[in-house]
PDB file of N, CA and C in Angstrom:
ATOM      1  N   MET A   1      13.520 -24.819 -42.381  1.00  0.00           N
ATOM      2  CA  MET A   1      12.789 -23.806 -42.482  1.00  0.00           C
ATOM      3  C   MET A   1      11.729 -23.588 -41.297  1.00  0.00           C
ATOM      4  N   PRO A   2      11.035 -24.559 -41.189  1.00  0.00           N
ATOM      5  CA  PRO A   2       9.677 -24.238 -40.482  1.00  0.00           C
ATOM      6  C   PRO A   2      10.307 -23.968 -38.928  1.00  0.00           C
ATOM      7  N   ARG A   3      11.453 -24.102 -38.710  1.00  0.00           N
ATOM      8  CA  ARG A   3      11.807 -23.703 -37.068  1.00  0.00           C
ATOM      9  C   ARG A   3      11.948 -21.935 -37.432  1.00  0.00           C
ATOM     10  N   ASN A   4      12.464 -21.140 -38.587  1.00  0.00           N
ATOM     11  CA  ASN A   4      12.141 -19.852 -38.203  1.00  0.00           C
ATOM     12  C   ASN A   4      11.034 -19.418 -38.585  1.00  0.00           C
ATOM     13  N   ARG A   5      10.014 -20.215 -39.140  1.00  0.00           N
ATOM     14  CA  ARG A   5       8.411 -19.933 -39.212  1.00  0.00           C
ATOM     15  C   ARG A   5       7.784 -19.537 -37.675  1.00  0.00           C
ATOM     16  N   SER A   6       8.466 -20.630 -36.927  1.00  0.00           N
ATOM     17  CA  SER A   6       8.051 -20.869 -35.794  1.00  0.00           C
ATOM     18  C   SER A   6       8.703 -19.454 -34.600  1.00  0.00           C
ATOM     19  N   ALA A   7       9.778 -18.670 -35.458  1.00  0.00           N
ATOM     20  CA  ALA A   7      10.224 -18.043 -34.634  1.00  0.00           C
ATOM     21  C   ALA A   7       9.736 -16.621 -34.841  1.00  0.00           C
ATOM     22  N   ILE A   8       9.388 -16.773 -36.045  1.00  0.00           N
ATOM     23  CA  ILE A   8       8.518 -15.636 -36.876  1.00  0.00           C
ATOM     24  C   ILE A   8       7.438 -15.330 -36.024  1.00  0.00           C
ATOM     25  N   ALA A   9       6.435 -16.161 -35.649  1.00  0.00           N
ATOM     26  CA  ALA A   9       5.349 -16.316 -35.287  1.00  0.00           C
ATOM     27  C   ALA A   9       5.128 -16.338 -33.982  1.00  0.00           C
ATOM     28  N   ALA A  10       6.392 -16.455 -32.879  1.00  0.00           N
ATOM     29  CA  ALA A  10       6.484 -16.330 -31.557  1.00  0.00           C
ATOM     30  C   ALA A  10       6.701 -14.747 -31.865  1.00  0.00           C
ATOM     31  N   LEU A  11       7.637 -14.305 -32.476  1.00  0.00           N
ATOM     32  CA  LEU A  11       8.097 -12.690 -32.482  1.00  0.00           C
ATOM     33  C   LEU A  11       6.583 -12.015 -32.363  1.00  0.00           C
ATOM     34  N   GLN A  12       5.853 -12.801 -33.713  1.00  0.00           N
ATOM     35  CA  GLN A  12       4.507 -11.891 -33.920  1.00  0.00           C
ATOM     36  C   GLN A  12       3.576 -11.651 -32.656  1.00  0.00           C
ATOM     37  N   LYS A  13       3.612 -12.841 -31.910  1.00  0.00           N
ATOM     38  CA  LYS A  13       2.303 -13.035 -30.840  1.00  0.00           C
ATOM     39  C   LYS A  13       3.474 -12.146 -29.753  1.00  0.00           C
ATOM     40  N   LEU A  14       4.368 -12.010 -29.391  1.00  0.00           N
ATOM     41  CA  LEU A  14       5.115 -11.443 -28.462  1.00  0.00           C
ATOM     42  C   LEU A  14       4.678 -10.032 -28.742  1.00  0.00           C
ATOM     43  N   GLU A  15       4.875  -9.671 -29.937  1.00  0.00           N
ATOM     44  CA  GLU A  15       4.287  -8.065 -30.316  1.00  0.00           C
ATOM     45  C   GLU A  15       2.966  -7.952 -29.830  1.00  0.00           C
ATOM     46  N   ALA A  16       2.149  -8.846 -30.245  1.00  0.00           N
ATOM     47  CA  ALA A  16       0.457  -8.643 -30.437  1.00  0.00           C
ATOM     48  C   ALA A  16       0.105  -8.571 -28.522  1.00  0.00           C
ATOM     49  N   ASP A  17       1.297  -9.257 -27.926  1.00  0.00           N
ATOM     50  CA  ASP A  17       1.193  -9.182 -26.553  1.00  0.00           C
ATOM     51  C   ASP A  17       1.317  -8.047 -25.635  1.00  0.00           C
ATOM     52  N   ARG A  18       2.367  -7.402 -26.288  1.00  0.00           N
ATOM     53  CA  ARG A  18       2.829  -6.445 -25.812  1.00  0.00           C
ATOM     54  C   ARG A  18       1.916  -5.144 -25.998  1.00  0.00           C
ATOM     55  N   GLU A  19       1.332  -5.197 -27.002  1.00  0.00           N
ATOM     56  CA  GLU A  19       0.531  -3.937 -27.284  1.00  0.00           C
ATOM     57  C   GLU A  19      -0.709  -4.335 -26.403  1.00  0.00           C
ATOM     58  N   ALA A  20      -1.408  -5.365 -26.312  1.00  0.00           N
ATOM     59  CA  ALA A  20      -2.480  -5.906 -25.676  1.00  0.00           C
ATOM     60  C   ALA A  20      -1.785  -5.135 -23.964  1.00  0.00           C
ATOM     61  N   LEU A  21      -0.897  -5.577 -23.688  1.00  0.00           N
ATOM     62  CA  LEU A  21      -0.477  -5.132 -22.089  1.00  0.00           C
ATOM     63  C   LEU A  21      -0.147  -3.538 -22.141  1.00  0.00           C
ATOM     64  N   ASP A  22       0.459  -2.832 -23.254  1.00  0.00           N
ATOM     65  CA  ASP A  22       0.459  -1.750 -23.569  1.00  0.00           C
ATOM     66  C   ASP A  22      -1.188  -0.557 -23.217  1.00  0.00           C
ATOM     67  N   ALA A  23      -2.029  -1.578 -24.056  1.00  0.00           N
ATOM     68  CA  ALA A  23      -3.273  -0.970 -23.991  1.00  0.00           C
ATOM     69  C   ALA A  23      -4.171  -0.805 -22.505  1.00  0.00           C
ATOM     70  N   LYS A  24      -3.703  -2.237 -21.940  1.00  0.00           N
ATOM     71  CA  LYS A  24      -4.354  -2.248 -20.585  1.00  0.00           C
ATOM     72  C   LYS A  24      -3.754  -1.146 -19.291  1.00  0.00           C
ATOM     73  N   GLN A  25      -2.324  -0.961 -19.555  1.00  0.00           N
ATOM     74  CA  GLN A  25      -1.749  -0.181 -18.816  1.00  0.00           C
ATOM     75  C   GLN A  25      -2.270   0.999 -18.926  1.00  0.00           C
ATOM     76  N   ARG A  26      -2.642   1.426 -20.319  1.00  0.00           N
ATOM     77  CA  ARG A  26      -3.226   2.790 -20.562  1.00  0.00           C
ATOM     78  C   ARG A  26      -4.605   2.752 -19.630  1.00  0.00           C
ATOM     79  N   GLU A  27      -5.257   2.024 -19.968  1.00  0.00           N
ATOM     80  CA  GLU A  27      -6.660   1.923 -19.090  1.00  0.00           C
ATOM     81  C   GLU A  27      -6.300   1.911 -17.727  1.00  0.00           C
ATOM     82  N   LEU A  28      -5.516   1.264 -17.332  1.00  0.00           N
ATOM     83  CA  LEU A  28      -5.459   1.296 -15.462  1.00  0.00           C
ATOM     84  C   LEU A  28      -4.709   2.593 -14.980  1.00  0.00           C
ATOM     85  N   GLU A  29      -4.053   3.275 -15.772  1.00  0.00           N
ATOM     86  CA  GLU A  29      -3.440   4.732 -15.785  1.00  0.00           C
ATOM     87  C   GLU A  29      -4.573   5.453 -15.231  1.00  0.00           C
ATOM     88  N   VAL A  30      -5.616   5.469 -16.733  1.00  0.00           N
ATOM     89  CA  VAL A  30      -6.790   6.497 -16.718  1.00  0.00           C
ATOM     90  C   VAL A  30      -7.689   6.070 -15.501  1.00  0.00           C
ATOM     91  N   GLN A  31      -8.031   4.867 -15.032  1.00  0.00           N
ATOM     92  CA  GLN A  31      -8.714   4.404 -14.262  1.00  0.00           C
ATOM     93  C   GLN A  31      -7.960   4.948 -12.577  1.00  0.00           C
ATOM     94  N   ALA A  32      -6.780   4.839 -12.541  1.00  0.00           N
ATOM     95  CA  ALA A  32      -6.124   5.097 -11.469  1.00  0.00           C
ATOM     96  C   ALA A  32      -5.977   6.990 -10.974  1.00  0.00           C
ATOM     97  N   ALA A  33      -5.716   7.593 -12.015  1.00  0.00           N
ATOM     98  CA  ALA A  33      -5.720   9.137 -12.311  1.00  0.00           C
ATOM     99  C   ALA A  33      -7.306   9.103 -11.650  1.00  0.00           C
ATOM    100  N   ARG A  34      -8.489   8.975 -12.017  1.00  0.00           N
ATOM    101  CA  ARG A  34      -9.829   9.436 -11.837  1.00  0.00           C
ATOM    102  C   ARG A  34      -9.717   8.930 -10.406  1.00  0.00           C
ATOM    103  N   GLU A  35      -9.842   7.768  -9.734  1.00  0.00           N
ATOM    104  CA  GLU A  35      -9.533   7.644  -8.265  1.00  0.00           C
ATOM    105  C   GLU A  35      -8.795   8.426  -7.638  1.00  0.00           C
ATOM    106  N   LEU A  36      -7.556   9.012  -7.940  1.00  0.00           N
ATOM    107  CA  LEU A  36      -6.849   9.831  -7.035  1.00  0.00           C
ATOM    108  C   LEU A  36      -7.438  11.370  -7.420  1.00  0.00           C
ATOM    109  N   GLY A  37      -7.961  11.636  -8.310  1.00  0.00           N
ATOM    110  CA  GLY A  37      -8.871  12.822  -8.315  1.00  0.00           C
ATOM    111  C   GLY A  37     -10.006  13.177  -7.755  1.00  0.00           C
ATOM    112  N   GLU A  38     -10.775  11.829  -7.401  1.00  0.00           N
ATOM    113  CA  GLU A  38     -11.984  11.870  -6.401  1.00  0.00           C
ATOM    114  C   GLU A  38     -11.273  12.129  -5.231  1.00  0.00           C
ATOM    115  N   ILE A  39     -10.261  11.500  -4.815  1.00  0.00           N
ATOM    116  CA  ILE A  39      -9.687  11.757  -3.380  1.00  0.00           C
ATOM    117  C   ILE A  39      -9.310  12.945  -3.052  1.00  0.00           C
ATOM    118  N   ILE A  40      -8.828  13.812  -4.115  1.00  0.00           N
ATOM    119  CA  ILE A  40      -7.977  14.925  -4.246  1.00  0.00           C
ATOM    120  C   ILE A  40      -9.361  16.221  -3.994  1.00  0.00           C
ATOM    121  N   LEU A  41     -10.187  15.711  -4.843  1.00  0.00           N
ATOM    122  CA  LEU A  41     -11.619  16.936  -4.502  1.00  0.00           C
ATOM    123  C   LEU A  41     -12.181  16.727  -3.401  1.00  0.00           C
ATOM    124  N   GLY A  42     -12.433  18.015  -2.886  1.00  0.00           N
ATOM    125  CA  GLY A  42     -12.855  18.447  -1.728  1.00  0.00           C
ATOM    126  C   GLY A  42     -11.931  18.193  -0.258  1.00  0.00           C
ATOM    127  N   SER A  43     -10.794  18.133  -0.533  1.00  0.00           N
ATOM    128  CA  SER A  43      -9.733  17.977   0.644  1.00  0.00           C
ATOM    129  C   SER A  43      -9.074  19.214   0.718  1.00  0.00           C
ATOM    130  N   GLY A  44      -9.084  20.141  -0.384  1.00  0.00           N
ATOM    131  CA  GLY A  44      -8.526  21.505  -0.139  1.00  0.00           C
ATOM    132  C   GLY A  44      -7.352  21.665  -1.082  1.00  0.00           C
ATOM    133  N   LEU A  45      -6.779  20.284  -1.622  1.00  0.00           N
ATOM    134  CA  LEU A  45      -5.665  20.254  -2.697  1.00  0.00           C
ATOM    135  C   LEU A  45      -5.770  20.733  -3.812  1.00  0.00           C
ATOM    136  N   GLU A  46      -7.228  20.698  -4.513  1.00  0.00           N
ATOM    137  CA  GLU A  46      -7.570  21.130  -5.789  1.00  0.00           C
ATOM    138  C   GLU A  46      -7.421  22.659  -6.017  1.00  0.00           C
ATOM    139  N   SER A  47      -7.300  23.076  -4.751  1.00  0.00           N
ATOM    140  CA  SER A  47      -7.032  25.087  -4.934  1.00  0.00           C
ATOM    141  C   SER A  47      -5.234  25.018  -4.792  1.00  0.00           C
ATOM    142  N   PHE A  48      -4.623  24.155  -5.192  1.00  0.00           N
ATOM    143  CA  PHE A  48      -3.197  24.351  -5.364  1.00  0.00           C
ATOM    144  C   PHE A  48      -2.831  24.245  -6.748  1.00  0.00           C
ATOM    145  N   SER A  49      -2.075  25.110  -7.349  1.00  0.00           N
ATOM    146  CA  SER A  49      -1.452  24.851  -8.565  1.00  0.00           C
ATOM    147  C   SER A  49      -1.260  23.407  -9.215  1.00  0.00           C
ATOM    148  N   LYS A  50      -1.240  23.439 -10.297  1.00  0.00           N
ATOM    149  CA  LYS A  50      -0.818  21.921 -10.498  1.00  0.00           C
ATOM    150  C   LYS A  50       0.825  22.033 -10.462  1.00  0.00           C
ATOM    151  N   LYS A  51       1.714  23.014 -10.679  1.00  0.00           N
ATOM    152  CA  LYS A  51       2.919  22.693 -10.118  1.00  0.00           C
ATOM    153  C   LYS A  51       3.111  22.559  -8.347  1.00  0.00           C
ATOM    154  N   GLY A  52       2.267  23.676  -8.139  1.00  0.00           N
ATOM    155  CA  GLY A  52       2.445  23.134  -6.464  1.00  0.00           C
ATOM    156  C   GLY A  52       2.213  21.775  -5.767  1.00  0.00           C
ATOM    157  N   LEU A  53       0.926  21.264  -6.591  1.00  0.00           N
ATOM    158  CA  LEU A  53       0.292  19.895  -6.172  1.00  0.00           C
ATOM    159  C   LEU A  53       1.396  18.716  -6.614  1.00  0.00           C
ATOM    160  N   ARG A  54       1.951  19.173  -7.812  1.00  0.00           N
ATOM    161  CA  ARG A  54       3.011  17.966  -8.248  1.00  0.00           C
ATOM    162  C   ARG A  54       4.310  17.794  -7.034  1.00  0.00           C
ATOM    163  N   LYS A  55       5.044  18.957  -6.807  1.00  0.00           N
ATOM    164  CA  LYS A  55       5.776  19.206  -5.803  1.00  0.00           C
ATOM    165  C   LYS A  55       5.233  18.647  -4.304  1.00  0.00           C
ATOM    166  N   VAL A  56       4.415  19.064  -4.005  1.00  0.00           N
ATOM    167  CA  VAL A  56       3.925  18.496  -2.417  1.00  0.00           C
ATOM    168  C   VAL A  56       3.750  17.180  -2.804  1.00  0.00           C
ATOM    169  N   ALA A  57       3.056  16.238  -3.784  1.00  0.00           N
ATOM    170  CA  ALA A  57       2.899  14.870  -4.018  1.00  0.00           C
ATOM    171  C   ALA A  57       4.493  14.135  -3.934  1.00  0.00           C
ATOM    172  N   GLU A  58       5.411  15.009  -4.703  1.00  0.00           N
ATOM    173  CA  GLU A  58       6.426  14.083  -4.909  1.00  0.00           C
ATOM    174  C   GLU A  58       7.393  13.981  -3.641  1.00  0.00           C
ATOM    175  N   GLU A  59       7.417  15.177  -2.763  1.00  0.00           N
ATOM    176  CA  GLU A  59       7.846  15.352  -1.611  1.00  0.00           C
ATOM    177  C   GLU A  59       7.114  14.123  -0.553  1.00  0.00           C
ATOM    178  N   LEU A  60       5.733  14.044  -0.513  1.00  0.00           N
ATOM    179  CA  LEU A  60       5.319  13.028   0.348  1.00  0.00           C
ATOM    180  C   LEU A  60       5.534  11.849  -0.417  1.00  0.00           C
ATOM    181  N   GLY A  61       5.914  11.724  -1.543  1.00  0.00           N
ATOM    182  CA  GLY A  61       6.036  10.154  -2.333  1.00  0.00           C
ATOM    183  C   GLY A  61       7.437   9.700  -1.240  1.00  0.00           C
ATOM    184  N   LYS A  62       8.342  10.717  -1.462  1.00  0.00           N
ATOM    185  CA  LYS A  62       9.929  10.512  -1.126  1.00  0.00           C
ATOM    186  C   LYS A  62       9.632   9.984   0.578  1.00  0.00           C
ATOM    187  N   LEU A  63       8.630  10.513   1.197  1.00  0.00           N
ATOM    188  CA  LEU A  63       8.830  10.602   2.813  1.00  0.00           C
ATOM    189  C   LEU A  63       8.189   9.083   2.819  1.00  0.00           C
ATOM    190  N   GLY A  64       7.316   8.711   2.025  1.00  0.00           N
ATOM    191  CA  GLY A  64       6.274   7.798   2.317  1.00  0.00           C
ATOM    192  C   GLY A  64       4.989   8.098   3.196  1.00  0.00           C
ATOM    193  N   GLU A  65       4.040   7.180   3.176  1.00  0.00           N
ATOM    194  CA  GLU A  65       2.763   7.409   4.055  1.00  0.00           C
ATOM    195  C   GLU A  65       3.007   7.462   5.416  1.00  0.00           C
ATOM    196  N   ASP A  66       3.566   6.692   6.029  1.00  0.00           N
ATOM    197  CA  ASP A  66       3.613   7.051   7.517  1.00  0.00           C
ATOM    198  C   ASP A  66       4.706   8.205   7.621  1.00  0.00           C
ATOM    199  N   ALA A  67       5.808   8.276   7.458  1.00  0.00           N
ATOM    200  CA  ALA A  67       6.231   9.477   7.713  1.00  0.00           C
ATOM    201  C   ALA A  67       5.968  11.062   7.383  1.00  0.00           C
ATOM    202  N   ALA A  68       5.362  11.072   6.171  1.00  0.00           N
ATOM    203  CA  ALA A  68       4.598  11.972   5.829  1.00  0.00           C
ATOM    204  C   ALA A  68       3.289  12.179   6.890  1.00  0.00           C
ATOM    205  N   ILE A  69       2.600  11.490   7.049  1.00  0.00           N
ATOM    206  CA  ILE A  69       1.562  11.769   8.035  1.00  0.00           C
ATOM    207  C   ILE A  69       1.838  12.331   9.350  1.00  0.00           C
ATOM    208  N   GLU A  70       3.199  11.579   9.713  1.00  0.00           N
ATOM    209  CA  GLU A  70       3.856  11.930  11.132  1.00  0.00           C
ATOM    210  C   GLU A  70       4.363  13.482  11.116  1.00  0.00           C
ATOM    211  N   LYS A  71       4.822  13.619  10.043  1.00  0.00           N
ATOM    212  CA  LYS A  71       5.403  14.772   9.896  1.00  0.00           C
ATOM    213  C   LYS A  71       4.556  16.155   9.677  1.00  0.00           C
ATOM    214  N   LEU A  72       3.288  15.657   9.066  1.00  0.00           N
ATOM    215  CA  LEU A  72       2.351  16.755   8.890  1.00  0.00           C
ATOM    216  C   LEU A  72       1.645  16.992  10.127  1.00  0.00           C
ATOM    217  N   THR A  73       1.393  15.945  10.742  1.00  0.00           N
ATOM    218  CA  THR A  73       0.623  15.897  12.495  1.00  0.00           C
ATOM    219  C   THR A  73       1.616  16.863  13.176  1.00  0.00           C
ATOM    220  N   ALA A  74       2.650  16.352  13.421  1.00  0.00           N
ATOM    221  CA  ALA A  74       3.661  16.645  14.330  1.00  0.00           C
ATOM    222  C   ALA A  74       3.670  18.043  14.462  1.00  0.00           C
ATOM    223  N   ARG A  75       3.844  19.016  12.927  1.00  0.00           N
ATOM    224  CA  ARG A  75       4.172  20.313  12.647  1.00  0.00           C
ATOM    225  C   ARG A  75       2.679  20.926  13.451  1.00  0.00           C
ATOM    226  N   GLY A  76       1.356  20.442  12.546  1.00  0.00           N
ATOM    227  CA  GLY A  76       0.229  21.129  13.462  1.00  0.00           C
ATOM    228  C   GLY A  76       0.246  20.937  14.950  1.00  0.00           C
ATOM    229  N   SER A  77       0.511  20.012  15.465  1.00  0.00           N
ATOM    230  CA  SER A  77       0.693  20.040  16.804  1.00  0.00           C
ATOM    231  C   SER A  77       1.784  20.958  17.412  1.00  0.00           C
ATOM    232  N   THR A  78       2.720  21.347  16.770  1.00  0.00           N
ATOM    233  CA  THR A  78       3.827  21.859  17.577  1.00  0.00           C
ATOM    234  C   THR A  78       3.399  23.868  17.296  1.00  0.00           C
ATOM    235  N   ARG A  79       2.933  23.929  15.936  1.00  0.00           N
ATOM    236  CA  ARG A  79       2.189  25.249  16.204  1.00  0.00           C
ATOM    237  C   ARG A  79       1.441  25.496  16.713  1.00  0.00           C
ATOM    238  N   ALA A  80       0.642  24.434  17.125  1.00  0.00           N
ATOM    239  CA  ALA A  80      -0.605  24.717  18.287  1.00  0.00           C
ATOM    240  C   ALA A  80      -0.256  25.119  19.697  1.00  0.00           C
ATOM    241  N   SER A  81       0.885  24.260  19.910  1.00  0.00           N
ATOM    242  CA  SER A  81       1.468  24.430  21.493  1.00  0.00           C
ATOM    243  C   SER A  81       2.128  25.536  21.655  1.00  0.00           C
ATOM    244  N   ASN A  82       2.775  26.418  20.207  1.00  0.00           N
ATOM    245  CA  ASN A  82       3.767  27.222  20.372  1.00  0.00           C
ATOM    246  C   ASN A  82       2.663  28.644  20.388  1.00  0.00           C
ATOM    247  N   ALA A  83       1.410  28.854  19.923  1.00  0.00           N
ATOM    248  CA  ALA A  83       0.829  29.805  19.635  1.00  0.00           C
ATOM    249  C   ALA A  83       0.356  30.276  21.090  1.00  0.00           C
ATOM    250  N   ALA A  84       0.134  31.771  21.106  1.00  0.00           N
ATOM    251  CA  ALA A  84       0.184  32.497  22.253  1.00  0.00           C
ATOM    252  C   ALA A  84      -1.399  32.215  22.850  1.00  0.00           C
ATOM    253  N   PRO A  85      -1.502  31.915  24.311  1.00  0.00           N
ATOM    254  CA  PRO A  85      -2.739  31.871  24.686  1.00  0.00           C
ATOM    255  C   PRO A  85      -3.974  32.530  24.416  1.00  0.00           C
ATOM    256  N   GLY A  86      -5.351  31.979  24.022  1.00  0.00           N
ATOM    257  CA  GLY A  86      -6.288  32.512  23.362  1.00  0.00           C
ATOM    258  C   GLY A  86      -6.289  32.580  22.146  1.00  0.00           C
ATOM    259  N   THR A  87      -5.307  32.464  21.491  1.00  0.00           N
ATOM    260  CA  THR A  87      -5.109  32.505  19.873  1.00  0.00           C
ATOM    261  C   THR A  87      -5.715  31.390  19.093  1.00  0.00           C
ATOM    262  N   GLN A  88      -5.606  29.982  19.665  1.00  0.00           N
ATOM    263  CA  GLN A  88      -5.886  28.735  18.753  1.00  0.00           C
ATOM    264  C   GLN A  88      -7.531  28.623  18.689  1.00  0.00           C
TER     265      GLN A  88
END
């Protein structure tokens, strides 16, 4: 029987550990959201709708940081070079 108590105690400890990890994860998610919010505020993105911002973020996430930056800056360069003289 002591063996069963040991297994029960181990399961109880495991459950307590999971609960502690879940609480820590929620805390870190709140901190991460706060950090991201601080980055976004003042960038112009705060004027996007929630739906639009989510779509932009998802698409940029799919591309990855380097590809997204390259794609965004390349489009800006292309538009500027294609603009009529004197309109830039």
